[in-house]
């Protein structure tokens, strides 16, 4: 783990360098760490969620993501779940597990 305070090592902001849609992962460059480029970081997604709505009906949302951009599943009552992958050059927020060589994840993109 690089120097600095513990929070800087856990939460990082960087620029996406490459995207692997098949593995739903991306590599991220961290300028604040001397231009270090990460290994593949998994992009957090929500797959196969059971969702209960106010009208007490439960709908199963099926993962229809096929890679590249985003895809949506739209059950009854027009509730939408969207799957997202970052684009090369996009700024993202990453979270690292605070252990030596801990895995990291991409939490989402910044505007």
N, C-alpha and C. Protein backbone atom coordinates (compact mmCIF):
# COMPACT_ATOMS: atom_id res chain seq x y z
N UNK A 1 0.84 -1.16 0.00
CA UNK A 1 0.00 0.00 0.00
C UNK A 1 0.89 1.24 0.00
N UNK A 2 0.53 2.24 -0.76
CA UNK A 2 1.32 3.46 -0.85
C UNK A 2 1.23 4.25 0.45
N UNK A 3 2.13 5.21 0.62
CA UNK A 3 2.14 6.04 1.81
C UNK A 3 0.92 6.93 1.91
N UNK A 4 0.89 7.80 2.90
CA UNK A 4 -0.25 8.69 3.10
C UNK A 4 -1.16 8.15 4.18
N UNK A 5 -2.23 8.88 4.44
CA UNK A 5 -3.12 8.40 5.49
C UNK A 5 -3.95 7.22 5.00
N UNK A 6 -4.56 6.50 5.94
CA UNK A 6 -5.27 5.27 5.60
C UNK A 6 -6.46 5.52 4.69
N UNK A 7 -7.18 6.64 4.88
CA UNK A 7 -8.33 6.94 4.04
C UNK A 7 -7.93 7.14 2.59
N UNK A 8 -6.78 7.79 2.35
CA UNK A 8 -6.30 7.98 0.98
C UNK A 8 -6.00 6.65 0.31
N UNK A 9 -5.64 5.63 1.08
CA UNK A 9 -5.35 4.32 0.53
C UNK A 9 -6.60 3.49 0.31
N UNK A 10 -7.69 3.83 1.00
CA UNK A 10 -8.93 3.06 0.88
C UNK A 10 -9.83 3.64 -0.21
N UNK A 11 -10.04 4.95 -0.19
CA UNK A 11 -10.91 5.61 -1.17
C UNK A 11 -10.02 6.39 -2.12
N UNK A 12 -10.14 6.10 -3.42
CA UNK A 12 -9.29 6.75 -4.42
C UNK A 12 -10.15 7.21 -5.60
N UNK A 13 -9.74 8.31 -6.20
CA UNK A 13 -10.38 8.81 -7.42
C UNK A 13 -9.35 8.74 -8.52
N UNK A 14 -9.76 8.19 -9.67
CA UNK A 14 -8.82 8.06 -10.78
C UNK A 14 -9.52 8.05 -12.11
N UNK A 15 -8.72 7.96 -13.17
CA UNK A 15 -9.21 7.99 -14.55
C UNK A 15 -9.13 6.60 -15.16
N UNK A 16 -10.22 6.16 -15.74
CA UNK A 16 -10.28 4.83 -16.37
C UNK A 16 -9.34 4.79 -17.57
N UNK A 17 -8.49 3.76 -17.60
CA UNK A 17 -7.52 3.58 -18.68
C UNK A 17 -7.96 2.52 -19.69
N UNK A 18 -8.63 1.47 -19.20
CA UNK A 18 -9.13 0.41 -20.08
C UNK A 18 -10.32 -0.26 -19.41
N UNK A 19 -11.18 -0.86 -20.24
CA UNK A 19 -12.41 -1.50 -19.74
C UNK A 19 -12.48 -2.91 -20.31
N UNK A 20 -12.82 -3.88 -19.47
CA UNK A 20 -13.05 -5.26 -19.89
C UNK A 20 -14.53 -5.56 -19.62
N UNK A 21 -15.37 -5.40 -20.66
CA UNK A 21 -16.81 -5.59 -20.50
C UNK A 21 -17.16 -7.02 -20.14
N UNK A 22 -16.39 -7.99 -20.61
CA UNK A 22 -16.68 -9.39 -20.32
C UNK A 22 -16.55 -9.68 -18.83
N UNK A 23 -15.49 -9.15 -18.21
CA UNK A 23 -15.25 -9.38 -16.78
C UNK A 23 -15.89 -8.30 -15.90
N UNK A 24 -16.53 -7.30 -16.53
CA UNK A 24 -17.10 -6.16 -15.82
C UNK A 24 -16.06 -5.55 -14.88
N UNK A 25 -14.89 -5.24 -15.47
CA UNK A 25 -13.76 -4.69 -14.72
C UNK A 25 -13.09 -3.59 -15.54
N UNK A 26 -12.30 -2.78 -14.87
CA UNK A 26 -11.56 -1.71 -15.55
C UNK A 26 -10.26 -1.45 -14.81
N UNK A 27 -9.28 -0.88 -15.54
CA UNK A 27 -8.03 -0.44 -14.93
C UNK A 27 -8.10 1.08 -14.80
N UNK A 28 -7.59 1.58 -13.67
CA UNK A 28 -7.72 2.99 -13.34
C UNK A 28 -6.35 3.58 -13.02
N UNK A 29 -6.08 4.79 -13.55
CA UNK A 29 -4.84 5.51 -13.27
C UNK A 29 -5.10 6.51 -12.15
N UNK A 30 -4.21 6.48 -11.13
CA UNK A 30 -4.33 7.38 -9.98
C UNK A 30 -3.20 8.40 -10.01
N UNK A 31 -3.51 9.63 -10.47
CA UNK A 31 -2.49 10.69 -10.54
C UNK A 31 -1.93 11.01 -9.17
N UNK A 32 -2.78 10.93 -8.13
CA UNK A 32 -2.33 11.22 -6.77
C UNK A 32 -1.33 10.22 -6.23
N UNK A 33 -1.16 9.11 -6.92
CA UNK A 33 -0.19 8.08 -6.53
C UNK A 33 0.91 7.96 -7.58
N UNK A 34 1.29 9.09 -8.16
CA UNK A 34 2.37 9.12 -9.14
C UNK A 34 2.02 8.49 -10.48
N UNK A 35 0.74 8.45 -10.83
CA UNK A 35 0.34 7.87 -12.11
C UNK A 35 0.21 6.36 -12.09
N UNK A 36 0.17 5.77 -10.89
CA UNK A 36 0.00 4.32 -10.75
C UNK A 36 -1.27 3.86 -11.46
N UNK A 37 -1.15 2.78 -12.25
CA UNK A 37 -2.32 2.18 -12.90
C UNK A 37 -2.66 0.90 -12.17
N UNK A 38 -3.92 0.76 -11.80
CA UNK A 38 -4.38 -0.40 -11.03
C UNK A 38 -4.39 -1.66 -11.87
N UNK A 39 -4.52 -2.77 -11.20
CA UNK A 39 -4.88 -4.00 -11.87
C UNK A 39 -6.37 -3.92 -12.19
N UNK A 40 -6.96 -4.99 -12.72
CA UNK A 40 -8.39 -4.96 -13.02
C UNK A 40 -9.22 -4.78 -11.74
N UNK A 41 -10.06 -3.75 -11.73
CA UNK A 41 -10.96 -3.49 -10.60
C UNK A 41 -12.38 -3.83 -11.03
N UNK A 42 -13.06 -4.65 -10.27
CA UNK A 42 -14.43 -5.04 -10.58
C UNK A 42 -15.34 -3.83 -10.42
N UNK A 43 -16.24 -3.63 -11.39
CA UNK A 43 -17.23 -2.56 -11.33
C UNK A 43 -18.45 -3.13 -10.61
N UNK A 44 -18.80 -2.53 -9.48
CA UNK A 44 -19.93 -3.04 -8.70
C UNK A 44 -21.23 -2.91 -9.49
N UNK A 45 -22.01 -3.97 -9.48
CA UNK A 45 -23.29 -4.05 -10.18
C UNK A 45 -24.33 -4.65 -9.25
N UNK A 46 -25.59 -4.58 -9.65
CA UNK A 46 -26.67 -5.25 -8.94
C UNK A 46 -27.28 -6.26 -9.89
N UNK A 47 -27.10 -7.54 -9.60
CA UNK A 47 -27.60 -8.59 -10.46
C UNK A 47 -28.73 -9.35 -9.79
N UNK A 48 -29.75 -9.73 -10.57
CA UNK A 48 -30.80 -10.60 -10.10
C UNK A 48 -31.44 -10.19 -8.81
N UNK A 49 -31.73 -8.91 -8.65
CA UNK A 49 -32.31 -8.41 -7.42
C UNK A 49 -33.80 -8.73 -7.34
N UNK A 50 -34.29 -9.09 -6.17
CA UNK A 50 -35.72 -9.16 -5.92
C UNK A 50 -36.10 -7.83 -5.30
N UNK A 51 -37.05 -7.14 -5.90
CA UNK A 51 -37.41 -5.82 -5.44
C UNK A 51 -38.88 -5.81 -5.04
N UNK A 52 -39.17 -5.25 -3.87
CA UNK A 52 -40.55 -5.11 -3.43
C UNK A 52 -40.93 -3.65 -3.53
N UNK A 53 -42.06 -3.37 -4.17
CA UNK A 53 -42.52 -2.01 -4.36
C UNK A 53 -43.66 -1.71 -3.41
N UNK A 54 -44.05 -0.44 -3.35
CA UNK A 54 -45.08 0.02 -2.43
C UNK A 54 -46.38 -0.77 -2.53
N UNK A 55 -46.70 -1.29 -3.71
CA UNK A 55 -47.96 -2.00 -3.89
C UNK A 55 -47.85 -3.47 -3.46
N UNK A 56 -46.75 -3.82 -2.78
CA UNK A 56 -46.51 -5.15 -2.22
C UNK A 56 -46.36 -6.25 -3.26
N UNK A 57 -46.15 -5.91 -4.50
CA UNK A 57 -45.86 -6.90 -5.54
C UNK A 57 -44.35 -7.08 -5.62
N UNK A 58 -43.87 -8.29 -5.76
CA UNK A 58 -42.44 -8.56 -5.90
C UNK A 58 -42.15 -8.95 -7.34
N UNK A 59 -41.12 -8.35 -7.91
CA UNK A 59 -40.70 -8.65 -9.28
C UNK A 59 -39.25 -9.13 -9.24
N UNK A 60 -38.93 -10.15 -9.99
CA UNK A 60 -37.54 -10.59 -10.11
C UNK A 60 -36.91 -9.88 -11.29
N UNK A 61 -35.79 -9.20 -11.04
CA UNK A 61 -35.06 -8.50 -12.08
C UNK A 61 -33.95 -9.43 -12.54
N UNK A 62 -33.91 -9.74 -13.81
CA UNK A 62 -32.93 -10.66 -14.36
C UNK A 62 -31.78 -9.88 -14.98
N UNK A 63 -30.56 -10.36 -14.78
CA UNK A 63 -29.38 -9.72 -15.36
C UNK A 63 -29.41 -9.92 -16.87
N UNK A 64 -29.60 -8.84 -17.61
CA UNK A 64 -29.60 -8.91 -19.07
C UNK A 64 -28.39 -8.22 -19.66
N UNK A 65 -27.42 -7.87 -18.83
CA UNK A 65 -26.24 -7.15 -19.29
C UNK A 65 -25.42 -8.02 -20.23
N UNK A 66 -25.05 -7.48 -21.39
CA UNK A 66 -24.26 -8.25 -22.35
C UNK A 66 -22.94 -7.58 -22.67
N UNK A 67 -22.59 -6.53 -21.95
CA UNK A 67 -21.31 -5.86 -22.15
C UNK A 67 -21.44 -4.64 -23.04
N UNK A 68 -20.62 -3.63 -22.77
CA UNK A 68 -20.60 -2.43 -23.59
C UNK A 68 -21.70 -1.46 -23.23
N UNK A 69 -21.37 -0.39 -22.56
CA UNK A 69 -22.37 0.61 -22.22
C UNK A 69 -23.25 0.16 -21.09
N UNK A 70 -24.56 0.36 -21.23
CA UNK A 70 -25.46 -0.06 -20.18
C UNK A 70 -26.66 -0.77 -20.78
N UNK A 71 -27.34 -1.54 -19.97
CA UNK A 71 -28.55 -2.24 -20.39
C UNK A 71 -29.56 -2.11 -19.27
N UNK A 72 -30.85 -2.18 -19.60
CA UNK A 72 -31.88 -2.03 -18.60
C UNK A 72 -32.87 -3.18 -18.68
N UNK A 73 -33.45 -3.51 -17.53
CA UNK A 73 -34.54 -4.46 -17.46
C UNK A 73 -35.72 -3.70 -16.91
N UNK A 74 -36.88 -3.81 -17.54
CA UNK A 74 -38.02 -3.04 -17.10
C UNK A 74 -39.20 -3.97 -16.81
N UNK A 75 -39.46 -4.28 -15.52
CA UNK A 75 -40.60 -5.11 -15.16
C UNK A 75 -41.89 -4.30 -15.16
N UNK A 76 -42.97 -4.93 -14.74
CA UNK A 76 -44.25 -4.23 -14.63
C UNK A 76 -44.09 -3.00 -13.74
N UNK A 77 -44.97 -2.05 -13.87
CA UNK A 77 -45.00 -0.82 -13.08
C UNK A 77 -43.86 0.13 -13.43
N UNK A 78 -43.16 -0.09 -14.51
CA UNK A 78 -42.14 0.82 -15.04
C UNK A 78 -41.00 1.15 -14.09
N UNK A 79 -40.58 0.21 -13.27
CA UNK A 79 -39.39 0.38 -12.44
C UNK A 79 -38.21 -0.14 -13.24
N UNK A 80 -37.11 0.61 -13.29
CA UNK A 80 -35.98 0.25 -14.13
C UNK A 80 -34.72 0.05 -13.31
N UNK A 81 -33.97 -1.00 -13.62
CA UNK A 81 -32.65 -1.23 -13.04
C UNK A 81 -31.66 -1.14 -14.20
N UNK A 82 -30.61 -0.33 -14.04
CA UNK A 82 -29.64 -0.11 -15.11
C UNK A 82 -28.29 -0.65 -14.69
N UNK A 83 -27.62 -1.35 -15.60
CA UNK A 83 -26.27 -1.86 -15.38
C UNK A 83 -25.31 -0.91 -16.07
N UNK A 84 -24.19 -0.59 -15.40
CA UNK A 84 -23.31 0.46 -15.88
C UNK A 84 -21.86 -0.02 -15.93
N UNK A 85 -21.16 0.41 -16.98
CA UNK A 85 -19.71 0.25 -17.09
C UNK A 85 -19.13 1.62 -17.42
N UNK A 86 -17.97 1.96 -16.83
CA UNK A 86 -17.35 3.25 -17.13
C UNK A 86 -16.76 3.26 -18.53
N UNK A 87 -16.44 4.46 -19.00
CA UNK A 87 -15.79 4.65 -20.29
C UNK A 87 -14.34 5.03 -20.07
N UNK A 88 -13.48 4.72 -21.03
CA UNK A 88 -12.08 5.15 -20.96
C UNK A 88 -12.06 6.67 -20.87
N UNK A 89 -11.27 7.19 -19.93
CA UNK A 89 -11.17 8.63 -19.72
C UNK A 89 -12.09 9.16 -18.64
N UNK A 90 -13.06 8.36 -18.20
CA UNK A 90 -14.00 8.80 -17.17
C UNK A 90 -13.35 8.73 -15.80
N UNK A 91 -13.69 9.70 -14.94
CA UNK A 91 -13.23 9.70 -13.56
C UNK A 91 -14.16 8.83 -12.73
N UNK A 92 -13.57 7.98 -11.88
CA UNK A 92 -14.36 7.06 -11.06
C UNK A 92 -13.88 7.09 -9.61
N UNK A 93 -14.77 6.66 -8.72
CA UNK A 93 -14.44 6.51 -7.30
C UNK A 93 -14.20 5.03 -7.05
N UNK A 94 -13.07 4.72 -6.41
CA UNK A 94 -12.69 3.33 -6.15
C UNK A 94 -12.55 3.11 -4.65
N UNK A 95 -12.82 1.90 -4.23
CA UNK A 95 -12.69 1.51 -2.83
C UNK A 95 -11.77 0.31 -2.76
N UNK A 96 -10.74 0.40 -1.91
CA UNK A 96 -9.79 -0.70 -1.73
C UNK A 96 -9.95 -1.31 -0.36
N UNK A 97 -9.82 -2.63 -0.27
CA UNK A 97 -9.81 -3.32 1.01
C UNK A 97 -8.49 -2.98 1.68
N UNK A 98 -8.49 -2.51 2.95
CA UNK A 98 -7.27 -2.01 3.58
C UNK A 98 -6.33 -3.10 4.11
N UNK A 99 -5.84 -3.95 3.22
CA UNK A 99 -4.82 -4.94 3.54
C UNK A 99 -3.78 -4.89 2.44
N UNK A 100 -2.58 -5.40 2.69
CA UNK A 100 -1.55 -5.41 1.64
C UNK A 100 -2.08 -6.09 0.40
N UNK A 101 -1.92 -5.45 -0.74
CA UNK A 101 -2.38 -5.97 -2.04
C UNK A 101 -3.86 -6.34 -2.02
N UNK A 102 -4.67 -5.59 -1.24
CA UNK A 102 -6.10 -5.85 -1.17
C UNK A 102 -6.79 -5.53 -2.49
N UNK A 103 -7.86 -6.25 -2.76
CA UNK A 103 -8.64 -6.01 -3.97
C UNK A 103 -9.31 -4.65 -3.90
N UNK A 104 -9.59 -4.11 -5.06
CA UNK A 104 -10.32 -2.85 -5.15
C UNK A 104 -11.53 -3.00 -6.02
N UNK A 105 -12.44 -2.05 -5.91
CA UNK A 105 -13.68 -2.06 -6.67
C UNK A 105 -13.97 -0.66 -7.16
N UNK A 106 -14.64 -0.55 -8.29
CA UNK A 106 -15.11 0.74 -8.78
C UNK A 106 -16.54 0.91 -8.30
N UNK A 107 -16.77 1.97 -7.51
CA UNK A 107 -18.08 2.21 -6.94
C UNK A 107 -19.00 2.94 -7.91
N UNK A 108 -18.44 3.84 -8.72
CA UNK A 108 -19.25 4.59 -9.67
C UNK A 108 -18.45 5.71 -10.30
N UNK A 109 -19.08 6.39 -11.25
CA UNK A 109 -18.42 7.45 -11.99
C UNK A 109 -18.72 8.82 -11.42
N UNK A 110 -17.87 9.78 -11.75
CA UNK A 110 -18.06 11.17 -11.36
C UNK A 110 -18.48 11.96 -12.59
N UNK A 111 -19.31 12.99 -12.37
CA UNK A 111 -19.77 13.82 -13.52
C UNK A 111 -18.63 14.61 -14.11
